[in-house]
């Protein structure tokens, strides 16, 4: 949390009047900042501006250290629940055997089930570039096998000595 993200506390609050919520969560009402500071001092707690954009700003009487810790914990939980989508890569050759292709397709389905995107790369060597239609046929078989489980994000296209296709989970 940077300084700009942190709420204003005690004497940092600049508004003339504030809407005050006490330490029990009860609404006190609209009071001056000085009165809010007195009430917070009596309770041995801090006056924290929780909603600075409201008119008047909403302030709570609470333990600032504990409040910061709770916000930090919530942010950590939110980060833990995020899923980072990775791009996995499967490499093929134009002369791949049927059974080998089935295994590669099974691997692609596994990656898609985990929520990852898959880049399928078909690489040509030497004179194979003269028979690009063989590579396209292999990728068409892959598309046919995957059509129910994924959406094709980038259809097969030739990039130098390879053909690249990207698929993503539905």
N, C-alpha and C. Protein backbone atom coordinates (compact mmCIF):
# COMPACT_ATOMS: atom_id res chain seq x y z
N UNK A 1 0.84 -1.19 0.00
CA UNK A 1 0.00 0.00 0.00
C UNK A 1 0.88 1.24 0.00
N UNK A 2 0.69 2.13 -0.95
CA UNK A 2 1.49 3.35 -0.98
C UNK A 2 0.82 4.41 -0.13
N UNK A 3 1.55 5.49 0.12
CA UNK A 3 1.03 6.58 0.95
C UNK A 3 -0.27 7.16 0.38
N UNK A 4 -0.37 7.22 -0.94
CA UNK A 4 -1.56 7.81 -1.57
C UNK A 4 -2.80 6.94 -1.34
N UNK A 5 -2.61 5.61 -1.20
CA UNK A 5 -3.74 4.71 -1.02
C UNK A 5 -4.24 4.67 0.42
N UNK A 6 -3.38 5.05 1.36
CA UNK A 6 -3.75 4.93 2.77
C UNK A 6 -4.77 5.99 3.16
N UNK A 7 -5.71 5.63 4.03
CA UNK A 7 -6.71 6.60 4.48
C UNK A 7 -6.08 7.64 5.42
N UNK A 8 -6.71 8.81 5.49
CA UNK A 8 -6.22 9.84 6.41
C UNK A 8 -6.63 9.46 7.83
N UNK A 9 -5.74 9.77 8.77
CA UNK A 9 -5.95 9.39 10.17
C UNK A 9 -5.80 10.61 11.06
N UNK A 10 -6.65 10.68 12.10
CA UNK A 10 -6.59 11.71 13.14
C UNK A 10 -6.41 13.12 12.58
N UNK A 11 -5.26 13.77 12.80
CA UNK A 11 -5.08 15.18 12.43
C UNK A 11 -4.90 15.40 10.92
N UNK A 12 -4.76 14.30 10.14
CA UNK A 12 -4.62 14.43 8.68
C UNK A 12 -5.96 14.73 8.01
N UNK A 13 -7.07 14.50 8.71
CA UNK A 13 -8.40 14.71 8.13
C UNK A 13 -8.63 16.21 7.97
N UNK A 14 -8.95 16.65 6.74
CA UNK A 14 -9.02 18.08 6.44
C UNK A 14 -10.45 18.63 6.31
N UNK A 15 -11.47 17.79 6.32
CA UNK A 15 -12.84 18.27 6.13
C UNK A 15 -13.29 19.08 7.35
N UNK A 16 -14.25 19.98 7.13
CA UNK A 16 -14.76 20.80 8.23
C UNK A 16 -15.66 19.95 9.14
N UNK A 17 -16.53 19.15 8.50
CA UNK A 17 -17.40 18.27 9.29
C UNK A 17 -17.34 16.87 8.70
N UNK A 18 -17.62 15.87 9.53
CA UNK A 18 -17.54 14.47 9.11
C UNK A 18 -18.78 13.71 9.59
N UNK A 19 -19.08 12.63 8.91
CA UNK A 19 -20.14 11.71 9.36
C UNK A 19 -19.41 10.66 10.19
N UNK A 20 -19.75 10.54 11.46
CA UNK A 20 -18.98 9.72 12.39
C UNK A 20 -19.68 8.41 12.72
N UNK A 21 -18.90 7.31 12.68
CA UNK A 21 -19.36 6.00 13.12
C UNK A 21 -18.46 5.61 14.28
N UNK A 22 -19.05 5.24 15.43
CA UNK A 22 -18.22 4.93 16.60
C UNK A 22 -17.64 3.52 16.54
N UNK A 23 -16.88 3.13 17.58
CA UNK A 23 -16.17 1.86 17.59
C UNK A 23 -17.11 0.64 17.58
N UNK A 24 -18.38 0.82 17.93
CA UNK A 24 -19.34 -0.29 17.92
C UNK A 24 -20.12 -0.38 16.61
N UNK A 25 -19.81 0.51 15.67
CA UNK A 25 -20.51 0.50 14.39
C UNK A 25 -21.79 1.32 14.40
N UNK A 26 -22.03 2.06 15.49
CA UNK A 26 -23.24 2.89 15.61
C UNK A 26 -23.02 4.24 14.94
N UNK A 27 -24.01 4.73 14.21
CA UNK A 27 -23.91 6.02 13.55
C UNK A 27 -24.10 7.12 14.59
N UNK A 28 -23.09 8.01 14.72
CA UNK A 28 -23.17 9.12 15.66
C UNK A 28 -23.84 10.31 14.99
N UNK A 29 -23.49 10.52 13.70
CA UNK A 29 -24.08 11.62 12.95
C UNK A 29 -23.00 12.54 12.42
N UNK A 30 -23.42 13.71 11.94
CA UNK A 30 -22.47 14.67 11.39
C UNK A 30 -21.94 15.53 12.53
N UNK A 31 -20.60 15.51 12.71
CA UNK A 31 -19.95 16.27 13.78
C UNK A 31 -18.71 16.96 13.21
N UNK A 32 -18.12 17.83 14.01
CA UNK A 32 -16.87 18.48 13.57
C UNK A 32 -15.72 17.50 13.75
N UNK A 33 -14.62 17.77 13.06
CA UNK A 33 -13.45 16.90 13.15
C UNK A 33 -12.90 16.90 14.58
N UNK A 34 -12.88 18.06 15.22
CA UNK A 34 -12.36 18.16 16.59
C UNK A 34 -13.17 17.29 17.55
N UNK A 35 -14.49 17.31 17.39
CA UNK A 35 -15.35 16.50 18.25
C UNK A 35 -15.09 15.01 18.02
N UNK A 36 -14.90 14.63 16.75
CA UNK A 36 -14.58 13.25 16.41
C UNK A 36 -13.26 12.82 17.02
N UNK A 37 -12.26 13.71 16.98
CA UNK A 37 -10.96 13.41 17.56
C UNK A 37 -11.06 13.22 19.08
N UNK A 38 -11.89 14.05 19.73
CA UNK A 38 -12.09 13.92 21.19
C UNK A 38 -12.69 12.56 21.53
N UNK A 39 -13.74 12.18 20.77
CA UNK A 39 -14.40 10.88 21.03
C UNK A 39 -13.43 9.72 20.80
N UNK A 40 -12.59 9.82 19.77
CA UNK A 40 -11.61 8.77 19.48
C UNK A 40 -10.56 8.69 20.59
N UNK A 41 -10.14 9.85 21.08
CA UNK A 41 -9.14 9.89 22.16
C UNK A 41 -9.69 9.29 23.44
N UNK A 42 -10.97 9.56 23.72
CA UNK A 42 -11.61 9.00 24.93
C UNK A 42 -11.64 7.47 24.86
N UNK A 43 -11.79 6.92 23.65
CA UNK A 43 -11.86 5.47 23.49
C UNK A 43 -10.47 4.84 23.29
N UNK A 44 -9.41 5.69 23.32
CA UNK A 44 -8.03 5.23 23.08
C UNK A 44 -7.89 4.56 21.71
N UNK A 45 -8.58 5.12 20.71
CA UNK A 45 -8.51 4.60 19.34
C UNK A 45 -8.21 5.74 18.38
N UNK A 46 -8.19 5.44 17.09
CA UNK A 46 -7.90 6.45 16.07
C UNK A 46 -9.16 6.83 15.32
N UNK A 47 -9.15 8.04 14.76
CA UNK A 47 -10.22 8.49 13.88
C UNK A 47 -9.72 8.28 12.45
N UNK A 48 -10.37 7.37 11.71
CA UNK A 48 -9.90 7.00 10.38
C UNK A 48 -10.96 7.37 9.34
N UNK A 49 -10.53 8.06 8.26
CA UNK A 49 -11.43 8.45 7.17
C UNK A 49 -11.59 7.25 6.24
N UNK A 50 -12.74 6.56 6.30
CA UNK A 50 -12.95 5.34 5.51
C UNK A 50 -13.56 5.62 4.15
N UNK A 51 -14.30 6.72 4.02
CA UNK A 51 -14.90 7.06 2.73
C UNK A 51 -14.69 8.56 2.45
N UNK A 52 -13.50 8.91 1.89
CA UNK A 52 -13.18 10.33 1.71
C UNK A 52 -14.00 11.03 0.64
N UNK A 53 -14.58 10.28 -0.30
CA UNK A 53 -15.30 10.91 -1.41
C UNK A 53 -16.75 11.25 -1.09
N UNK A 54 -17.24 10.75 0.05
CA UNK A 54 -18.63 11.03 0.44
C UNK A 54 -18.73 12.49 0.87
N UNK A 55 -19.95 12.99 0.93
CA UNK A 55 -20.14 14.37 1.37
C UNK A 55 -21.13 14.38 2.52
N UNK A 56 -20.78 14.65 3.75
CA UNK A 56 -19.42 14.81 4.27
C UNK A 56 -18.69 13.46 4.35
N UNK A 57 -17.33 13.49 4.45
CA UNK A 57 -16.56 12.23 4.51
C UNK A 57 -16.97 11.38 5.71
N UNK A 58 -16.95 10.05 5.52
CA UNK A 58 -17.31 9.14 6.59
C UNK A 58 -16.05 8.74 7.35
N UNK A 59 -16.09 8.88 8.68
CA UNK A 59 -14.95 8.52 9.52
C UNK A 59 -15.41 7.52 10.57
N UNK A 60 -14.50 6.60 10.94
CA UNK A 60 -14.80 5.61 11.96
C UNK A 60 -13.79 5.72 13.08
N UNK A 61 -14.26 5.40 14.26
CA UNK A 61 -13.35 5.31 15.41
C UNK A 61 -12.93 3.85 15.50
N UNK A 62 -11.63 3.60 15.29
CA UNK A 62 -11.13 2.21 15.34
C UNK A 62 -9.63 2.18 15.55
N UNK A 63 -9.08 0.99 15.76
CA UNK A 63 -7.64 0.82 15.92
C UNK A 63 -7.02 0.79 14.52
N UNK A 64 -6.23 1.82 14.18
CA UNK A 64 -5.70 1.96 12.82
C UNK A 64 -4.78 0.81 12.42
N UNK A 65 -3.95 0.35 13.35
CA UNK A 65 -3.04 -0.77 13.06
C UNK A 65 -3.81 -2.02 12.68
N UNK A 66 -4.88 -2.30 13.43
CA UNK A 66 -5.72 -3.47 13.16
C UNK A 66 -6.44 -3.31 11.82
N UNK A 67 -6.89 -2.09 11.52
CA UNK A 67 -7.59 -1.78 10.27
C UNK A 67 -6.67 -2.02 9.07
N UNK A 68 -5.41 -1.54 9.18
CA UNK A 68 -4.44 -1.74 8.10
C UNK A 68 -4.17 -3.22 7.88
N UNK A 69 -4.07 -3.97 8.98
CA UNK A 69 -3.81 -5.40 8.90
C UNK A 69 -4.97 -6.11 8.18
N UNK A 70 -6.21 -5.76 8.50
CA UNK A 70 -7.39 -6.37 7.87
C UNK A 70 -7.41 -6.09 6.37
N UNK A 71 -7.10 -4.86 5.98
CA UNK A 71 -7.08 -4.50 4.55
C UNK A 71 -6.01 -5.30 3.82
N UNK A 72 -4.84 -5.44 4.47
CA UNK A 72 -3.73 -6.19 3.88
C UNK A 72 -4.13 -7.65 3.70
N UNK A 73 -4.82 -8.21 4.68
CA UNK A 73 -5.26 -9.61 4.61
C UNK A 73 -6.26 -9.82 3.47
N UNK A 74 -7.20 -8.89 3.32
CA UNK A 74 -8.19 -8.99 2.24
C UNK A 74 -7.51 -8.92 0.87
N UNK A 75 -6.53 -8.03 0.72
CA UNK A 75 -5.82 -7.89 -0.54
C UNK A 75 -5.05 -9.18 -0.85
N UNK A 76 -4.46 -9.79 0.16
CA UNK A 76 -3.72 -11.04 -0.03
C UNK A 76 -4.66 -12.17 -0.46
N UNK A 77 -5.82 -12.25 0.16
CA UNK A 77 -6.82 -13.27 -0.21
C UNK A 77 -7.27 -13.08 -1.66
N UNK A 78 -7.48 -11.83 -2.07
CA UNK A 78 -7.92 -11.55 -3.44
C UNK A 78 -6.85 -11.98 -4.44
N UNK A 79 -5.56 -11.72 -4.09
CA UNK A 79 -4.48 -12.13 -4.98
C UNK A 79 -4.38 -13.64 -5.08
N UNK A 80 -4.66 -14.33 -3.98
CA UNK A 80 -4.56 -15.79 -3.97
C UNK A 80 -5.60 -16.43 -4.88
N UNK A 81 -6.76 -15.79 -4.99
CA UNK A 81 -7.85 -16.36 -5.79
C UNK A 81 -7.70 -16.10 -7.28
N UNK A 82 -6.78 -15.21 -7.67
CA UNK A 82 -6.61 -14.91 -9.09
C UNK A 82 -5.92 -16.07 -9.80
N UNK A 83 -6.39 -16.37 -11.01
CA UNK A 83 -5.79 -17.43 -11.82
C UNK A 83 -4.99 -16.78 -12.93
N UNK A 84 -3.71 -17.08 -12.99
CA UNK A 84 -2.86 -16.54 -14.03
C UNK A 84 -2.95 -17.49 -15.24
N UNK A 85 -3.40 -16.96 -16.37
CA UNK A 85 -3.52 -17.78 -17.57
C UNK A 85 -2.16 -17.83 -18.25
N UNK A 86 -1.69 -19.05 -18.46
CA UNK A 86 -0.41 -19.23 -19.12
C UNK A 86 -0.65 -19.71 -20.54
N UNK A 87 0.33 -19.51 -21.40
CA UNK A 87 0.25 -20.07 -22.75
C UNK A 87 1.21 -21.24 -22.80
N UNK A 88 0.65 -22.43 -22.93
CA UNK A 88 1.46 -23.65 -23.06
C UNK A 88 1.71 -23.87 -24.55
N UNK A 89 2.75 -24.62 -24.87
CA UNK A 89 3.05 -24.84 -26.28
C UNK A 89 3.20 -26.33 -26.57
N UNK A 90 2.59 -26.75 -27.67
CA UNK A 90 2.72 -28.12 -28.17
C UNK A 90 3.36 -28.00 -29.55
N UNK A 91 4.42 -28.77 -29.77
CA UNK A 91 5.11 -28.73 -31.06
C UNK A 91 4.80 -29.99 -31.86
N UNK A 92 4.48 -29.79 -33.13
CA UNK A 92 4.16 -30.89 -34.03
C UNK A 92 5.09 -30.85 -35.24
N UNK A 93 5.06 -31.94 -36.00
CA UNK A 93 5.78 -32.02 -37.28
C UNK A 93 4.76 -32.45 -38.34
N UNK A 94 4.98 -32.11 -39.59
CA UNK A 94 4.01 -32.48 -40.63
C UNK A 94 3.93 -33.99 -40.85
N UNK A 95 4.96 -34.74 -40.47
CA UNK A 95 4.96 -36.20 -40.70
C UNK A 95 4.57 -36.98 -39.45
N UNK A 96 3.88 -36.31 -38.50
CA UNK A 96 3.53 -36.96 -37.23
C UNK A 96 2.57 -38.14 -37.48
N UNK A 97 2.76 -39.21 -36.71
CA UNK A 97 1.93 -40.40 -36.83
C UNK A 97 0.57 -40.16 -36.14
N UNK A 98 -0.46 -40.92 -36.53
CA UNK A 98 -1.80 -40.74 -35.97
C UNK A 98 -1.81 -40.89 -34.45
N UNK A 99 -1.16 -41.94 -33.95
CA UNK A 99 -1.17 -42.20 -32.51
C UNK A 99 -0.44 -41.10 -31.75
N UNK A 100 0.69 -40.65 -32.28
CA UNK A 100 1.44 -39.56 -31.65
C UNK A 100 0.59 -38.29 -31.62
N UNK A 101 -0.16 -38.06 -32.69
CA UNK A 101 -1.02 -36.89 -32.75
C UNK A 101 -2.12 -36.97 -31.68
N UNK A 102 -2.67 -38.18 -31.48
CA UNK A 102 -3.70 -38.36 -30.44
C UNK A 102 -3.14 -38.02 -29.06
N UNK A 103 -1.91 -38.42 -28.79
CA UNK A 103 -1.29 -38.11 -27.49
C UNK A 103 -1.11 -36.60 -27.34
N UNK A 104 -0.65 -35.94 -28.39
CA UNK A 104 -0.48 -34.48 -28.35
C UNK A 104 -1.83 -33.79 -28.11
N UNK A 105 -2.89 -34.28 -28.76
CA UNK A 105 -4.23 -33.70 -28.59
C UNK A 105 -4.70 -33.90 -27.15
N UNK A 106 -4.39 -35.08 -26.57
CA UNK A 106 -4.76 -35.34 -25.18
C UNK A 106 -4.03 -34.36 -24.24
N UNK A 107 -2.76 -34.07 -24.55
CA UNK A 107 -2.02 -33.08 -23.76
C UNK A 107 -2.65 -31.69 -23.87
N UNK A 108 -3.06 -31.32 -25.08
CA UNK A 108 -3.71 -30.02 -25.29
C UNK A 108 -4.98 -29.94 -24.46
N UNK A 109 -5.79 -31.02 -24.47
CA UNK A 109 -7.04 -31.02 -23.69
C UNK A 109 -6.75 -30.88 -22.21
N UNK A 110 -5.68 -31.51 -21.73
CA UNK A 110 -5.30 -31.37 -20.32
C UNK A 110 -4.98 -29.93 -19.97
N UNK A 111 -4.23 -29.25 -20.85
CA UNK A 111 -3.89 -27.85 -20.61
C UNK A 111 -5.15 -26.98 -20.61
N UNK A 112 -6.06 -27.27 -21.55
CA UNK A 112 -7.30 -26.50 -21.64
C UNK A 112 -8.16 -26.70 -20.39
N UNK A 113 -8.20 -27.93 -19.86
CA UNK A 113 -8.97 -28.21 -18.65
C UNK A 113 -8.43 -27.42 -17.46
N UNK A 114 -7.13 -27.16 -17.44
CA UNK A 114 -6.52 -26.38 -16.35
C UNK A 114 -6.74 -24.88 -16.54
N UNK A 115 -7.34 -24.50 -17.67
CA UNK A 115 -7.64 -23.09 -17.92
C UNK A 115 -6.55 -22.34 -18.66
N UNK A 116 -5.59 -23.05 -19.23
CA UNK A 116 -4.49 -22.39 -19.94
C UNK A 116 -4.77 -22.34 -21.44
N UNK A 117 -4.18 -21.34 -22.10
CA UNK A 117 -4.23 -21.28 -23.56
C UNK A 117 -3.12 -22.18 -24.09
N UNK A 118 -3.28 -22.64 -25.33
CA UNK A 118 -2.27 -23.52 -25.93
C UNK A 118 -1.89 -23.00 -27.30
N UNK A 119 -0.58 -22.87 -27.52
CA UNK A 119 -0.06 -22.51 -28.85
C UNK A 119 0.39 -23.82 -29.49
N UNK A 120 -0.18 -24.13 -30.63
CA UNK A 120 0.19 -25.34 -31.36
C UNK A 120 1.09 -24.91 -32.51
N UNK A 121 2.33 -25.38 -32.49
CA UNK A 121 3.32 -24.99 -33.48
C UNK A 121 3.68 -26.20 -34.33
N UNK A 122 3.54 -26.07 -35.63
CA UNK A 122 3.92 -27.13 -36.56
C UNK A 122 5.14 -26.63 -37.32
N UNK A 123 6.26 -27.30 -37.12
CA UNK A 123 7.54 -26.84 -37.67
C UNK A 123 7.96 -27.65 -38.89
N UNK A 124 8.40 -26.94 -39.93
CA UNK A 124 8.90 -27.58 -41.14
C UNK A 124 10.42 -27.58 -41.13
N UNK A 125 11.01 -28.63 -41.71
CA UNK A 125 12.46 -28.68 -41.88
C UNK A 125 12.77 -28.91 -43.35
N UNK A 126 13.79 -28.27 -43.85
CA UNK A 126 14.29 -28.53 -45.20
C UNK A 126 13.24 -28.44 -46.29
N UNK A 127 13.11 -29.54 -47.05
CA UNK A 127 12.21 -29.56 -48.21
C UNK A 127 10.74 -29.69 -47.82
N UNK A 128 10.46 -29.92 -46.55
CA UNK A 128 9.06 -30.02 -46.13
C UNK A 128 8.28 -28.74 -46.43
N UNK A 129 8.99 -27.62 -46.54
CA UNK A 129 8.34 -26.34 -46.84
C UNK A 129 7.63 -26.39 -48.19
N UNK A 130 8.06 -27.28 -49.08
CA UNK A 130 7.41 -27.42 -50.38
C UNK A 130 6.03 -28.05 -50.25
N UNK A 131 5.76 -28.71 -49.12
CA UNK A 131 4.49 -29.42 -48.91
C UNK A 131 3.77 -28.88 -47.69
N UNK A 132 3.48 -27.59 -47.70
CA UNK A 132 2.81 -26.95 -46.57
C UNK A 132 1.39 -27.47 -46.38
N UNK A 133 0.80 -28.00 -47.46
CA UNK A 133 -0.57 -28.54 -47.34
C UNK A 133 -0.61 -29.72 -46.37
N UNK A 134 0.50 -30.49 -46.25
CA UNK A 134 0.55 -31.60 -45.29
C UNK A 134 0.44 -31.05 -43.86
N UNK A 135 1.13 -29.95 -43.60
CA UNK A 135 1.06 -29.32 -42.28
C UNK A 135 -0.34 -28.80 -41.99
N UNK A 136 -0.95 -28.20 -42.98
CA UNK A 136 -2.31 -27.69 -42.80
C UNK A 136 -3.29 -28.83 -42.52
N UNK A 137 -3.10 -29.97 -43.18
CA UNK A 137 -3.97 -31.13 -42.94
C UNK A 137 -3.83 -31.61 -41.50
N UNK A 138 -2.61 -31.62 -40.98
CA UNK A 138 -2.39 -32.04 -39.58
C UNK A 138 -3.13 -31.08 -38.64
N UNK A 139 -3.00 -29.79 -38.88
CA UNK A 139 -3.68 -28.81 -38.00
C UNK A 139 -5.19 -28.88 -38.15
N UNK A 140 -5.69 -29.23 -39.33
CA UNK A 140 -7.14 -29.41 -39.50
C UNK A 140 -7.63 -30.59 -38.67
N UNK A 141 -6.81 -31.67 -38.63
CA UNK A 141 -7.18 -32.82 -37.78
C UNK A 141 -7.21 -32.42 -36.30
N UNK A 142 -6.26 -31.58 -35.91
CA UNK A 142 -6.23 -31.10 -34.52
C UNK A 142 -7.48 -30.26 -34.24
N UNK A 143 -7.82 -29.36 -35.15
CA UNK A 143 -9.01 -28.52 -34.98
C UNK A 143 -10.26 -29.38 -34.87
N UNK A 144 -10.35 -30.39 -35.70
CA UNK A 144 -11.52 -31.28 -35.69
C UNK A 144 -11.65 -31.98 -34.34
N UNK A 145 -10.52 -32.44 -33.79
CA UNK A 145 -10.53 -33.16 -32.52
C UNK A 145 -10.86 -32.22 -31.35
N UNK A 146 -10.50 -30.96 -31.46
CA UNK A 146 -10.67 -30.03 -30.34
C UNK A 146 -11.92 -29.16 -30.44
N UNK A 147 -12.67 -29.24 -31.53
CA UNK A 147 -13.74 -28.27 -31.79
C UNK A 147 -14.78 -28.17 -30.66
N UNK A 148 -15.02 -29.25 -29.89
CA UNK A 148 -16.02 -29.21 -28.83
C UNK A 148 -15.46 -28.64 -27.53
N UNK A 149 -14.14 -28.71 -27.34
CA UNK A 149 -13.55 -28.36 -26.05
C UNK A 149 -12.93 -26.97 -25.99
N UNK A 150 -12.77 -26.31 -27.14
CA UNK A 150 -12.07 -25.03 -27.10
C UNK A 150 -12.57 -24.09 -28.18
N UNK A 151 -12.11 -22.86 -28.07
CA UNK A 151 -12.37 -21.90 -29.16
C UNK A 151 -11.02 -21.54 -29.75
N UNK A 152 -10.99 -21.38 -31.05
CA UNK A 152 -9.75 -21.08 -31.74
C UNK A 152 -9.54 -19.57 -31.70
N UNK A 153 -8.50 -19.17 -30.97
CA UNK A 153 -8.23 -17.75 -30.80
C UNK A 153 -7.47 -17.18 -31.99
N UNK A 154 -6.58 -17.99 -32.56
CA UNK A 154 -5.85 -17.58 -33.76
C UNK A 154 -5.81 -18.78 -34.69
N UNK A 155 -6.44 -18.64 -35.83
CA UNK A 155 -6.47 -19.76 -36.77
C UNK A 155 -5.06 -19.98 -37.34
N UNK A 156 -4.80 -21.17 -37.88
CA UNK A 156 -3.45 -21.48 -38.36
C UNK A 156 -2.93 -20.46 -39.38
N UNK A 157 -1.73 -19.97 -39.12
CA UNK A 157 -1.12 -19.06 -40.09
C UNK A 157 0.38 -19.32 -40.13
N UNK A 158 0.93 -19.10 -41.30
CA UNK A 158 2.34 -19.42 -41.55
C UNK A 158 3.21 -18.27 -41.04
N UNK A 159 4.20 -18.62 -40.21
CA UNK A 159 5.17 -17.65 -39.71
C UNK A 159 6.56 -18.22 -39.99
N UNK A 160 7.16 -17.84 -41.08
CA UNK A 160 8.49 -18.35 -41.44
C UNK A 160 8.43 -19.82 -41.79
N UNK A 161 9.18 -20.64 -41.05
CA UNK A 161 9.22 -22.08 -41.33
C UNK A 161 8.28 -22.86 -40.42
N UNK A 162 7.26 -22.19 -39.90
CA UNK A 162 6.30 -22.91 -39.06
C UNK A 162 4.88 -22.35 -39.24
N UNK A 163 3.93 -23.17 -38.81
CA UNK A 163 2.54 -22.74 -38.82
C UNK A 163 2.10 -22.71 -37.35
N UNK A 164 1.48 -21.60 -36.95
CA UNK A 164 1.11 -21.40 -35.54
C UNK A 164 -0.40 -21.24 -35.43
N UNK A 165 -0.96 -21.87 -34.38
CA UNK A 165 -2.38 -21.76 -34.09
C UNK A 165 -2.52 -21.64 -32.57
N UNK A 166 -3.42 -20.79 -32.08
CA UNK A 166 -3.62 -20.64 -30.63
C UNK A 166 -5.07 -20.99 -30.32
N UNK A 167 -5.24 -21.86 -29.30
CA UNK A 167 -6.58 -22.23 -28.84
C UNK A 167 -6.71 -21.86 -27.36
N UNK A 168 -7.94 -21.55 -26.95
CA UNK A 168 -8.22 -21.18 -25.58
C UNK A 168 -9.41 -22.00 -25.07
N UNK A 169 -9.52 -22.18 -23.75
CA UNK A 169 -10.67 -22.92 -23.22
C UNK A 169 -11.97 -22.17 -23.49
N UNK A 170 -13.07 -22.91 -23.61
CA UNK A 170 -14.38 -22.28 -23.87
C UNK A 170 -14.85 -21.53 -22.66
